[in-house]
Amino acid sequence: MSINPLFSCGLIGGGLYYWSSKLAGDKGPFYAWVTGWWNLLGQFGCTAGIDFGLAMLLCSVITLSTQFVFERWHTVLIYFVILIIHGLINTYAVRLIAILNTISVWVHIGGVVIILVTLLVKVDNKASASFVFTGFINNTGWTSSVYVRTFSSFFDRSMICPFISKLPCDPHTSFE
């Protein structure tokens, strides 16, 4: 059975909880509850990691430009300020988030185009199309290429996408 018939029979909004419940059978409500809490913890962890990384980046930039030496509590204080600012933006400035999302999309599209054009123009030793789309080099240390291909394709979208973007990417991918 493919994943498409499974996901096409219901809405994908709330898909994490709905499909956890449906796939678990009799214990569905429990697994939907566990999925919800793990997702919430993941959201907290993702936000905390990104904001703390931003606090460390700001401390580094300020140190480079002013020679001020930050202590640990300075970084944590900046981190708390960033969290409060993000909380206020998410609470009171929802339209700003929409504008920032639109800007982010165009920056990402423009960045990809700039990188591609730069690579096409500046790189002298280009690989052939057949190598790019059909070539396979196994540098993993495992001897079975079938195992490596299967393992890598499993982790390609189904594992990376939900952890990075926190979206139910498998249902979306199945519709494509």
N, C-alpha and C. Protein backbone atom coordinates (compact mmCIF):
# COMPACT_ATOMS: atom_id res chain seq x y z
N MET A 1 0.85 -1.18 0.00
CA MET A 1 0.00 0.00 0.00
C MET A 1 0.89 1.23 0.00
N SER A 2 0.59 2.18 -0.87
CA SER A 2 1.37 3.41 -0.88
C SER A 2 0.81 4.39 0.14
N ILE A 3 1.56 5.43 0.37
CA ILE A 3 1.15 6.41 1.38
C ILE A 3 0.06 7.35 0.85
N ASN A 4 -0.03 7.52 -0.48
CA ASN A 4 -0.99 8.45 -1.05
C ASN A 4 -2.44 8.08 -0.74
N PRO A 5 -2.90 6.82 -0.93
CA PRO A 5 -4.29 6.53 -0.58
C PRO A 5 -4.57 6.74 0.90
N LEU A 6 -3.57 6.49 1.71
CA LEU A 6 -3.74 6.66 3.15
C LEU A 6 -3.98 8.12 3.50
N PHE A 7 -3.17 9.01 2.91
CA PHE A 7 -3.28 10.42 3.25
C PHE A 7 -4.38 11.13 2.47
N SER A 8 -4.78 10.60 1.34
CA SER A 8 -5.77 11.30 0.53
C SER A 8 -7.19 11.12 1.05
N CYS A 9 -7.38 10.25 2.03
CA CYS A 9 -8.74 10.04 2.52
C CYS A 9 -9.09 10.96 3.68
N GLY A 10 -8.28 11.91 3.99
CA GLY A 10 -8.59 12.84 5.06
C GLY A 10 -7.86 14.15 4.89
N LEU A 11 -8.24 15.11 5.68
CA LEU A 11 -7.58 16.41 5.64
C LEU A 11 -6.20 16.30 6.26
N ILE A 12 -5.29 17.15 5.83
CA ILE A 12 -3.94 17.10 6.39
C ILE A 12 -3.72 18.14 7.48
N GLY A 13 -4.68 19.03 7.71
CA GLY A 13 -4.57 19.94 8.84
C GLY A 13 -4.71 19.13 10.13
N GLY A 14 -3.77 19.24 11.04
CA GLY A 14 -3.77 18.41 12.23
C GLY A 14 -3.36 16.99 11.93
N GLY A 15 -2.68 16.81 10.80
CA GLY A 15 -2.35 15.48 10.33
C GLY A 15 -1.50 14.68 11.28
N LEU A 16 -0.61 15.32 12.01
CA LEU A 16 0.23 14.59 12.96
C LEU A 16 -0.61 13.81 13.95
N TYR A 17 -1.60 14.47 14.53
CA TYR A 17 -2.40 13.86 15.58
C TYR A 17 -3.42 12.90 14.98
N TYR A 18 -4.03 13.31 13.88
CA TYR A 18 -5.06 12.49 13.24
C TYR A 18 -4.48 11.17 12.77
N TRP A 19 -3.35 11.22 12.05
CA TRP A 19 -2.80 9.98 11.52
C TRP A 19 -2.15 9.13 12.60
N SER A 20 -1.61 9.74 13.64
CA SER A 20 -1.12 8.96 14.77
C SER A 20 -2.26 8.17 15.39
N SER A 21 -3.39 8.83 15.52
CA SER A 21 -4.57 8.18 16.09
C SER A 21 -5.09 7.07 15.19
N LYS A 22 -5.20 7.32 13.89
CA LYS A 22 -5.76 6.34 12.97
C LYS A 22 -4.84 5.13 12.78
N LEU A 23 -3.54 5.36 12.73
CA LEU A 23 -2.61 4.26 12.50
C LEU A 23 -2.38 3.40 13.74
N ALA A 24 -2.73 3.91 14.91
CA ALA A 24 -2.47 3.18 16.15
C ALA A 24 -3.58 2.22 16.53
N GLY A 25 -4.71 2.29 15.87
CA GLY A 25 -5.80 1.36 16.18
C GLY A 25 -6.49 1.72 17.48
N ASP A 26 -6.59 0.73 18.38
CA ASP A 26 -7.33 0.93 19.63
C ASP A 26 -6.69 1.96 20.55
N LYS A 27 -5.39 2.07 20.49
CA LYS A 27 -4.68 3.02 21.35
C LYS A 27 -4.49 4.37 20.67
N GLY A 28 -5.30 4.67 19.66
CA GLY A 28 -5.15 5.89 18.87
C GLY A 28 -5.16 7.17 19.66
N PRO A 29 -6.13 7.39 20.55
CA PRO A 29 -6.12 8.65 21.30
C PRO A 29 -4.85 8.86 22.13
N PHE A 30 -4.35 7.78 22.70
CA PHE A 30 -3.11 7.90 23.49
C PHE A 30 -1.95 8.32 22.60
N TYR A 31 -1.82 7.68 21.43
CA TYR A 31 -0.71 8.01 20.55
C TYR A 31 -0.86 9.40 19.94
N ALA A 32 -2.08 9.85 19.71
CA ALA A 32 -2.29 11.22 19.25
C ALA A 32 -1.87 12.21 20.33
N TRP A 33 -2.18 11.88 21.59
CA TRP A 33 -1.78 12.73 22.71
C TRP A 33 -0.26 12.79 22.83
N VAL A 34 0.40 11.62 22.74
CA VAL A 34 1.87 11.57 22.83
C VAL A 34 2.49 12.35 21.67
N THR A 35 1.92 12.19 20.48
CA THR A 35 2.43 12.91 19.30
C THR A 35 2.31 14.42 19.51
N GLY A 36 1.18 14.86 20.05
CA GLY A 36 0.99 16.28 20.31
C GLY A 36 2.02 16.84 21.28
N TRP A 37 2.28 16.10 22.36
CA TRP A 37 3.25 16.59 23.33
C TRP A 37 4.67 16.56 22.79
N TRP A 38 5.02 15.51 22.03
CA TRP A 38 6.36 15.48 21.44
C TRP A 38 6.52 16.61 20.43
N ASN A 39 5.46 16.91 19.68
CA ASN A 39 5.53 18.02 18.73
C ASN A 39 5.71 19.34 19.48
N LEU A 40 4.99 19.53 20.58
CA LEU A 40 5.14 20.75 21.36
C LEU A 40 6.56 20.88 21.92
N LEU A 41 7.10 19.78 22.45
CA LEU A 41 8.48 19.81 22.94
C LEU A 41 9.46 20.11 21.82
N GLY A 42 9.19 19.55 20.63
CA GLY A 42 10.04 19.85 19.48
C GLY A 42 9.98 21.31 19.09
N GLN A 43 8.78 21.89 19.14
CA GLN A 43 8.64 23.32 18.83
C GLN A 43 9.41 24.16 19.85
N PHE A 44 9.29 23.83 21.12
CA PHE A 44 10.03 24.56 22.15
C PHE A 44 11.54 24.43 21.93
N GLY A 45 11.99 23.23 21.67
CA GLY A 45 13.42 23.00 21.45
C GLY A 45 13.94 23.72 20.23
N CYS A 46 13.14 23.70 19.16
CA CYS A 46 13.55 24.38 17.92
C CYS A 46 13.64 25.89 18.15
N THR A 47 12.64 26.45 18.78
CA THR A 47 12.64 27.90 19.06
C THR A 47 13.79 28.27 20.00
N ALA A 48 13.98 27.48 21.03
CA ALA A 48 15.05 27.77 21.98
C ALA A 48 16.41 27.71 21.31
N GLY A 49 16.62 26.70 20.47
CA GLY A 49 17.91 26.57 19.79
C GLY A 49 18.18 27.70 18.82
N ILE A 50 17.17 28.07 18.05
CA ILE A 50 17.35 29.16 17.08
C ILE A 50 17.60 30.48 17.80
N ASP A 51 16.82 30.77 18.83
CA ASP A 51 16.97 32.04 19.53
C ASP A 51 18.29 32.10 20.31
N PHE A 52 18.71 30.98 20.89
CA PHE A 52 20.00 31.00 21.59
C PHE A 52 21.15 31.15 20.60
N GLY A 53 21.02 30.52 19.44
CA GLY A 53 22.03 30.71 18.39
C GLY A 53 22.10 32.16 17.95
N LEU A 54 20.94 32.82 17.84
CA LEU A 54 20.92 34.24 17.49
C LEU A 54 21.57 35.08 18.59
N ALA A 55 21.32 34.74 19.84
CA ALA A 55 21.95 35.48 20.94
C ALA A 55 23.47 35.34 20.89
N MET A 56 23.95 34.14 20.64
CA MET A 56 25.41 33.95 20.54
C MET A 56 25.98 34.69 19.34
N LEU A 57 25.23 34.69 18.22
CA LEU A 57 25.69 35.43 17.05
C LEU A 57 25.78 36.92 17.34
N LEU A 58 24.76 37.48 17.98
CA LEU A 58 24.79 38.90 18.32
C LEU A 58 25.96 39.23 19.26
N CYS A 59 26.20 38.36 20.24
CA CYS A 59 27.34 38.58 21.14
C CYS A 59 28.65 38.57 20.36
N SER A 60 28.78 37.65 19.42
CA SER A 60 30.00 37.58 18.63
C SER A 60 30.19 38.82 17.76
N VAL A 61 29.12 39.27 17.14
CA VAL A 61 29.21 40.46 16.28
C VAL A 61 29.57 41.69 17.11
N ILE A 62 28.95 41.84 18.27
CA ILE A 62 29.26 42.98 19.14
C ILE A 62 30.71 42.90 19.63
N THR A 63 31.17 41.70 19.96
CA THR A 63 32.56 41.53 20.40
C THR A 63 33.53 41.90 19.30
N LEU A 64 33.26 41.52 18.07
CA LEU A 64 34.15 41.85 16.96
C LEU A 64 34.23 43.35 16.70
N SER A 65 33.11 44.04 16.91
CA SER A 65 33.10 45.47 16.57
C SER A 65 33.49 46.36 17.75
N THR A 66 33.33 45.90 19.00
CA THR A 66 33.61 46.78 20.14
C THR A 66 34.67 46.25 21.09
N GLN A 67 35.12 45.01 20.92
CA GLN A 67 36.09 44.36 21.80
C GLN A 67 35.54 44.14 23.21
N PHE A 68 34.21 44.26 23.38
CA PHE A 68 33.59 43.98 24.68
C PHE A 68 33.57 42.46 24.86
N VAL A 69 33.96 41.99 26.04
CA VAL A 69 33.99 40.56 26.32
C VAL A 69 32.72 40.18 27.07
N PHE A 70 31.93 39.31 26.46
CA PHE A 70 30.67 38.87 27.07
C PHE A 70 30.91 37.74 28.04
N GLU A 71 30.15 37.77 29.12
CA GLU A 71 30.11 36.64 30.04
C GLU A 71 28.87 35.82 29.73
N ARG A 72 28.76 34.66 30.35
CA ARG A 72 27.63 33.77 30.05
C ARG A 72 26.28 34.42 30.33
N TRP A 73 26.20 35.16 31.42
CA TRP A 73 24.92 35.74 31.77
C TRP A 73 24.50 36.82 30.78
N HIS A 74 25.46 37.46 30.12
CA HIS A 74 25.12 38.44 29.07
C HIS A 74 24.40 37.74 27.93
N THR A 75 24.92 36.59 27.52
CA THR A 75 24.32 35.84 26.42
C THR A 75 22.92 35.38 26.80
N VAL A 76 22.76 34.90 28.02
CA VAL A 76 21.43 34.46 28.47
C VAL A 76 20.46 35.63 28.54
N LEU A 77 20.94 36.78 28.98
CA LEU A 77 20.09 37.98 29.03
C LEU A 77 19.64 38.38 27.62
N ILE A 78 20.56 38.39 26.68
CA ILE A 78 20.21 38.70 25.29
C ILE A 78 19.23 37.67 24.75
N TYR A 79 19.43 36.41 25.12
CA TYR A 79 18.53 35.33 24.72
C TYR A 79 17.11 35.59 25.24
N PHE A 80 16.97 35.97 26.50
CA PHE A 80 15.65 36.26 27.05
C PHE A 80 15.00 37.44 26.35
N VAL A 81 15.78 38.47 26.04
CA VAL A 81 15.24 39.62 25.31
C VAL A 81 14.72 39.19 23.93
N ILE A 82 15.49 38.34 23.25
CA ILE A 82 15.06 37.84 21.94
C ILE A 82 13.77 37.04 22.07
N LEU A 83 13.67 36.18 23.09
CA LEU A 83 12.45 35.41 23.30
C LEU A 83 11.24 36.33 23.54
N ILE A 84 11.44 37.35 24.34
CA ILE A 84 10.34 38.29 24.62
C ILE A 84 9.93 39.03 23.35
N ILE A 85 10.90 39.48 22.57
CA ILE A 85 10.59 40.17 21.31
C ILE A 85 9.82 39.25 20.38
N HIS A 86 10.26 37.99 20.25
CA HIS A 86 9.56 37.04 19.39
C HIS A 86 8.16 36.75 19.90
N GLY A 87 8.01 36.66 21.20
CA GLY A 87 6.67 36.45 21.77
C GLY A 87 5.74 37.62 21.48
N LEU A 88 6.27 38.84 21.60
CA LEU A 88 5.45 40.03 21.31
C LEU A 88 5.08 40.11 19.83
N ILE A 89 6.04 39.80 18.96
CA ILE A 89 5.75 39.82 17.52
C ILE A 89 4.69 38.79 17.18
N ASN A 90 4.81 37.58 17.72
CA ASN A 90 3.83 36.53 17.44
C ASN A 90 2.46 36.83 18.03
N THR A 91 2.43 37.63 19.08
CA THR A 91 1.16 37.96 19.71
C THR A 91 0.48 39.17 19.06
N TYR A 92 1.24 40.21 18.78
CA TYR A 92 0.65 41.47 18.38
C TYR A 92 0.91 41.89 16.94
N ALA A 93 1.82 41.26 16.25
CA ALA A 93 2.19 41.72 14.90
C ALA A 93 2.13 40.58 13.89
N VAL A 94 0.96 39.95 13.77
CA VAL A 94 0.82 38.81 12.87
C VAL A 94 1.03 39.23 11.42
N ARG A 95 0.60 40.43 11.05
CA ARG A 95 0.81 40.90 9.67
C ARG A 95 2.29 41.06 9.36
N LEU A 96 3.08 41.44 10.34
CA LEU A 96 4.53 41.53 10.15
C LEU A 96 5.12 40.16 9.83
N ILE A 97 4.60 39.13 10.48
CA ILE A 97 5.07 37.77 10.21
C ILE A 97 4.78 37.39 8.77
N ALA A 98 3.59 37.75 8.28
CA ALA A 98 3.25 37.45 6.88
C ALA A 98 4.20 38.17 5.92
N ILE A 99 4.50 39.42 6.22
CA ILE A 99 5.43 40.17 5.38
C ILE A 99 6.82 39.55 5.42
N LEU A 100 7.29 39.18 6.62
CA LEU A 100 8.61 38.56 6.75
C LEU A 100 8.67 37.21 6.03
N ASN A 101 7.57 36.45 6.07
CA ASN A 101 7.54 35.18 5.33
C ASN A 101 7.65 35.41 3.83
N THR A 102 6.96 36.41 3.32
CA THR A 102 7.04 36.72 1.89
C THR A 102 8.45 37.15 1.51
N ILE A 103 9.04 38.01 2.32
CA ILE A 103 10.42 38.44 2.07
C ILE A 103 11.36 37.24 2.10
N SER A 104 11.16 36.35 3.06
CA SER A 104 12.00 35.16 3.18
C SER A 104 11.91 34.28 1.94
N VAL A 105 10.72 34.10 1.41
CA VAL A 105 10.56 33.29 0.20
C VAL A 105 11.36 33.89 -0.95
N TRP A 106 11.24 35.20 -1.15
CA TRP A 106 11.94 35.83 -2.27
C TRP A 106 13.45 35.85 -2.07
N VAL A 107 13.90 36.00 -0.82
CA VAL A 107 15.33 35.94 -0.56
C VAL A 107 15.87 34.55 -0.85
N HIS A 108 15.12 33.52 -0.47
CA HIS A 108 15.57 32.15 -0.74
C HIS A 108 15.58 31.86 -2.23
N ILE A 109 14.53 32.27 -2.94
CA ILE A 109 14.49 32.06 -4.39
C ILE A 109 15.63 32.82 -5.06
N GLY A 110 15.81 34.08 -4.69
CA GLY A 110 16.89 34.88 -5.26
C GLY A 110 18.26 34.30 -4.94
N GLY A 111 18.44 33.82 -3.71
CA GLY A 111 19.72 33.23 -3.33
C GLY A 111 20.03 31.99 -4.14
N VAL A 112 19.03 31.14 -4.35
CA VAL A 112 19.25 29.93 -5.16
C VAL A 112 19.61 30.31 -6.59
N VAL A 113 18.90 31.27 -7.16
CA VAL A 113 19.19 31.70 -8.53
C VAL A 113 20.60 32.27 -8.62
N ILE A 114 20.99 33.10 -7.68
CA ILE A 114 22.33 33.69 -7.69
C ILE A 114 23.40 32.61 -7.58
N ILE A 115 23.19 31.66 -6.68
CA ILE A 115 24.16 30.58 -6.52
C ILE A 115 24.26 29.74 -7.78
N LEU A 116 23.12 29.39 -8.37
CA LEU A 116 23.13 28.57 -9.59
C LEU A 116 23.81 29.29 -10.75
N VAL A 117 23.47 30.56 -10.94
CA VAL A 117 24.09 31.32 -12.03
C VAL A 117 25.59 31.45 -11.79
N THR A 118 25.99 31.74 -10.56
CA THR A 118 27.41 31.86 -10.25
C THR A 118 28.15 30.56 -10.51
N LEU A 119 27.56 29.45 -10.10
CA LEU A 119 28.21 28.15 -10.33
C LEU A 119 28.30 27.83 -11.82
N LEU A 120 27.23 28.11 -12.56
CA LEU A 120 27.25 27.82 -13.99
C LEU A 120 28.28 28.67 -14.73
N VAL A 121 28.45 29.92 -14.30
CA VAL A 121 29.37 30.81 -14.99
C VAL A 121 30.82 30.59 -14.55
N LYS A 122 31.06 30.42 -13.26
CA LYS A 122 32.41 30.43 -12.73
C LYS A 122 33.10 29.07 -12.66
N VAL A 123 32.36 27.99 -12.56
CA VAL A 123 32.99 26.68 -12.40
C VAL A 123 33.42 26.15 -13.75
N ASP A 124 34.71 25.84 -13.87
CA ASP A 124 35.24 25.35 -15.15
C ASP A 124 35.04 23.85 -15.32
N ASN A 125 35.25 23.08 -14.27
CA ASN A 125 35.19 21.63 -14.35
C ASN A 125 33.82 21.14 -13.91
N LYS A 126 32.85 21.12 -14.82
CA LYS A 126 31.48 20.72 -14.50
C LYS A 126 31.29 19.23 -14.75
N ALA A 127 30.51 18.58 -13.89
CA ALA A 127 30.19 17.17 -14.09
C ALA A 127 29.12 17.06 -15.17
N SER A 128 29.11 15.94 -15.86
CA SER A 128 28.12 15.71 -16.92
C SER A 128 26.75 15.46 -16.29
N ALA A 129 25.71 15.67 -17.08
CA ALA A 129 24.35 15.45 -16.60
C ALA A 129 24.12 14.00 -16.23
N SER A 130 24.70 13.08 -17.00
CA SER A 130 24.52 11.66 -16.67
C SER A 130 25.16 11.31 -15.32
N PHE A 131 26.31 11.92 -15.02
CA PHE A 131 26.93 11.67 -13.72
C PHE A 131 26.10 12.27 -12.59
N VAL A 132 25.59 13.47 -12.81
CA VAL A 132 24.82 14.15 -11.77
C VAL A 132 23.55 13.38 -11.44
N PHE A 133 22.85 12.88 -12.47
CA PHE A 133 21.55 12.26 -12.23
C PHE A 133 21.58 10.74 -12.10
N THR A 134 22.65 10.09 -12.53
CA THR A 134 22.69 8.64 -12.43
C THR A 134 23.91 8.12 -11.69
N GLY A 135 24.91 8.93 -11.48
CA GLY A 135 26.12 8.48 -10.80
C GLY A 135 25.89 8.26 -9.32
N PHE A 136 26.57 7.26 -8.78
CA PHE A 136 26.44 6.94 -7.36
C PHE A 136 27.81 6.54 -6.83
N ILE A 137 28.28 7.23 -5.82
CA ILE A 137 29.56 6.91 -5.20
C ILE A 137 29.27 6.59 -3.74
N ASN A 138 29.63 5.41 -3.32
CA ASN A 138 29.39 4.96 -1.96
C ASN A 138 30.64 5.21 -1.12
N ASN A 139 30.63 6.29 -0.35
CA ASN A 139 31.75 6.61 0.55
C ASN A 139 31.37 6.40 2.01
N THR A 140 30.34 5.59 2.25
CA THR A 140 29.87 5.40 3.62
C THR A 140 30.68 4.40 4.41
N GLY A 141 31.38 3.51 3.71
CA GLY A 141 32.09 2.44 4.39
C GLY A 141 31.31 1.14 4.39
N TRP A 142 30.02 1.20 4.07
CA TRP A 142 29.21 -0.01 3.96
C TRP A 142 29.41 -0.60 2.57
N THR A 143 29.44 -1.91 2.47
CA THR A 143 29.72 -2.54 1.19
C THR A 143 28.48 -2.69 0.32
N SER A 144 27.30 -2.69 0.88
CA SER A 144 26.08 -2.91 0.11
C SER A 144 25.53 -1.59 -0.42
N SER A 145 25.63 -1.39 -1.74
CA SER A 145 25.08 -0.17 -2.33
C SER A 145 23.57 -0.13 -2.24
N VAL A 146 22.92 -1.30 -2.31
CA VAL A 146 21.46 -1.36 -2.20
C VAL A 146 21.03 -0.86 -0.83
N TYR A 147 21.73 -1.29 0.21
CA TYR A 147 21.40 -0.85 1.57
C TYR A 147 21.60 0.65 1.71
N VAL A 148 22.70 1.15 1.18
CA VAL A 148 22.99 2.59 1.29
C VAL A 148 21.95 3.40 0.54
N ARG A 149 21.58 2.98 -0.66
CA ARG A 149 20.55 3.71 -1.42
C ARG A 149 19.21 3.70 -0.69
N THR A 150 18.83 2.54 -0.18
CA THR A 150 17.56 2.43 0.54
C THR A 150 17.58 3.29 1.79
N PHE A 151 18.65 3.19 2.55
CA PHE A 151 18.78 3.95 3.79
C PHE A 151 18.77 5.45 3.54
N SER A 152 19.52 5.89 2.53
CA SER A 152 19.59 7.33 2.25
C SER A 152 18.28 7.85 1.70
N SER A 153 17.58 7.08 0.88
CA SER A 153 16.30 7.56 0.36
C SER A 153 15.25 7.61 1.45
N PHE A 154 15.36 6.72 2.45
CA PHE A 154 14.43 6.75 3.58
C PHE A 154 14.61 8.03 4.38
N PHE A 155 15.86 8.44 4.58
CA PHE A 155 16.14 9.64 5.36
C PHE A 155 16.07 10.91 4.54
N ASP A 156 15.88 10.80 3.26
CA ASP A 156 15.90 11.97 2.39
C ASP A 156 14.83 12.97 2.81
N ARG A 157 13.57 12.65 2.62
CA ARG A 157 12.51 13.60 2.93
C ARG A 157 11.73 13.23 4.16
N SER A 158 11.49 11.94 4.35
CA SER A 158 10.59 11.55 5.42
C SER A 158 11.15 11.84 6.81
N MET A 159 12.47 11.92 6.95
CA MET A 159 13.03 12.18 8.26
C MET A 159 13.49 13.63 8.44
N ILE A 160 14.10 14.19 7.43
CA ILE A 160 14.68 15.52 7.57
C ILE A 160 13.61 16.60 7.58
N CYS A 161 12.66 16.53 6.68
CA CYS A 161 11.68 17.59 6.52
C CYS A 161 10.86 17.86 7.79
N PRO A 162 10.29 16.84 8.46
CA PRO A 162 9.50 17.16 9.65
C PRO A 162 10.33 17.75 10.78
N PHE A 163 11.59 17.31 10.92
CA PHE A 163 12.39 17.81 12.02
C PHE A 163 12.86 19.24 11.78
N ILE A 164 13.12 19.59 10.54
CA ILE A 164 13.58 20.94 10.26
C ILE A 164 12.42 21.92 10.22
N SER A 165 11.37 21.58 9.48
CA SER A 165 10.29 22.55 9.28
C SER A 165 9.11 22.33 10.20
N LYS A 166 9.08 21.21 10.92
CA LYS A 166 7.99 20.89 11.83
C LYS A 166 6.64 20.81 11.12
N LEU A 167 6.65 20.35 9.89
CA LEU A 167 5.42 20.19 9.12
C LEU A 167 5.18 18.72 8.82
N PRO A 168 3.93 18.33 8.58
CA PRO A 168 3.65 16.96 8.16
C PRO A 168 3.98 16.79 6.68
N CYS A 169 5.25 16.66 6.34
CA CYS A 169 5.70 16.68 4.95
C CYS A 169 5.32 15.44 4.17
N ASP A 170 5.21 14.28 4.82
CA ASP A 170 4.83 13.08 4.09
C ASP A 170 3.46 13.21 3.42
N PRO A 171 2.44 13.73 4.13
CA PRO A 171 1.16 13.91 3.44
C PRO A 171 1.26 14.89 2.28
N HIS A 172 2.00 15.97 2.48
CA HIS A 172 2.14 16.95 1.39
C HIS A 172 2.88 16.36 0.21
N THR A 173 3.93 15.61 0.49
CA THR A 173 4.71 14.99 -0.59
C THR A 173 3.88 13.97 -1.33
N SER A 174 3.03 13.23 -0.63
CA SER A 174 2.23 12.20 -1.30
C SER A 174 1.23 12.82 -2.27
N PHE A 175 0.79 14.04 -2.01
CA PHE A 175 -0.15 14.69 -2.91
C PHE A 175 0.55 15.17 -4.20
N GLU A 176 1.85 15.44 -4.08
CA GLU A 176 2.58 15.90 -5.24
C GLU A 176 2.76 14.77 -6.21
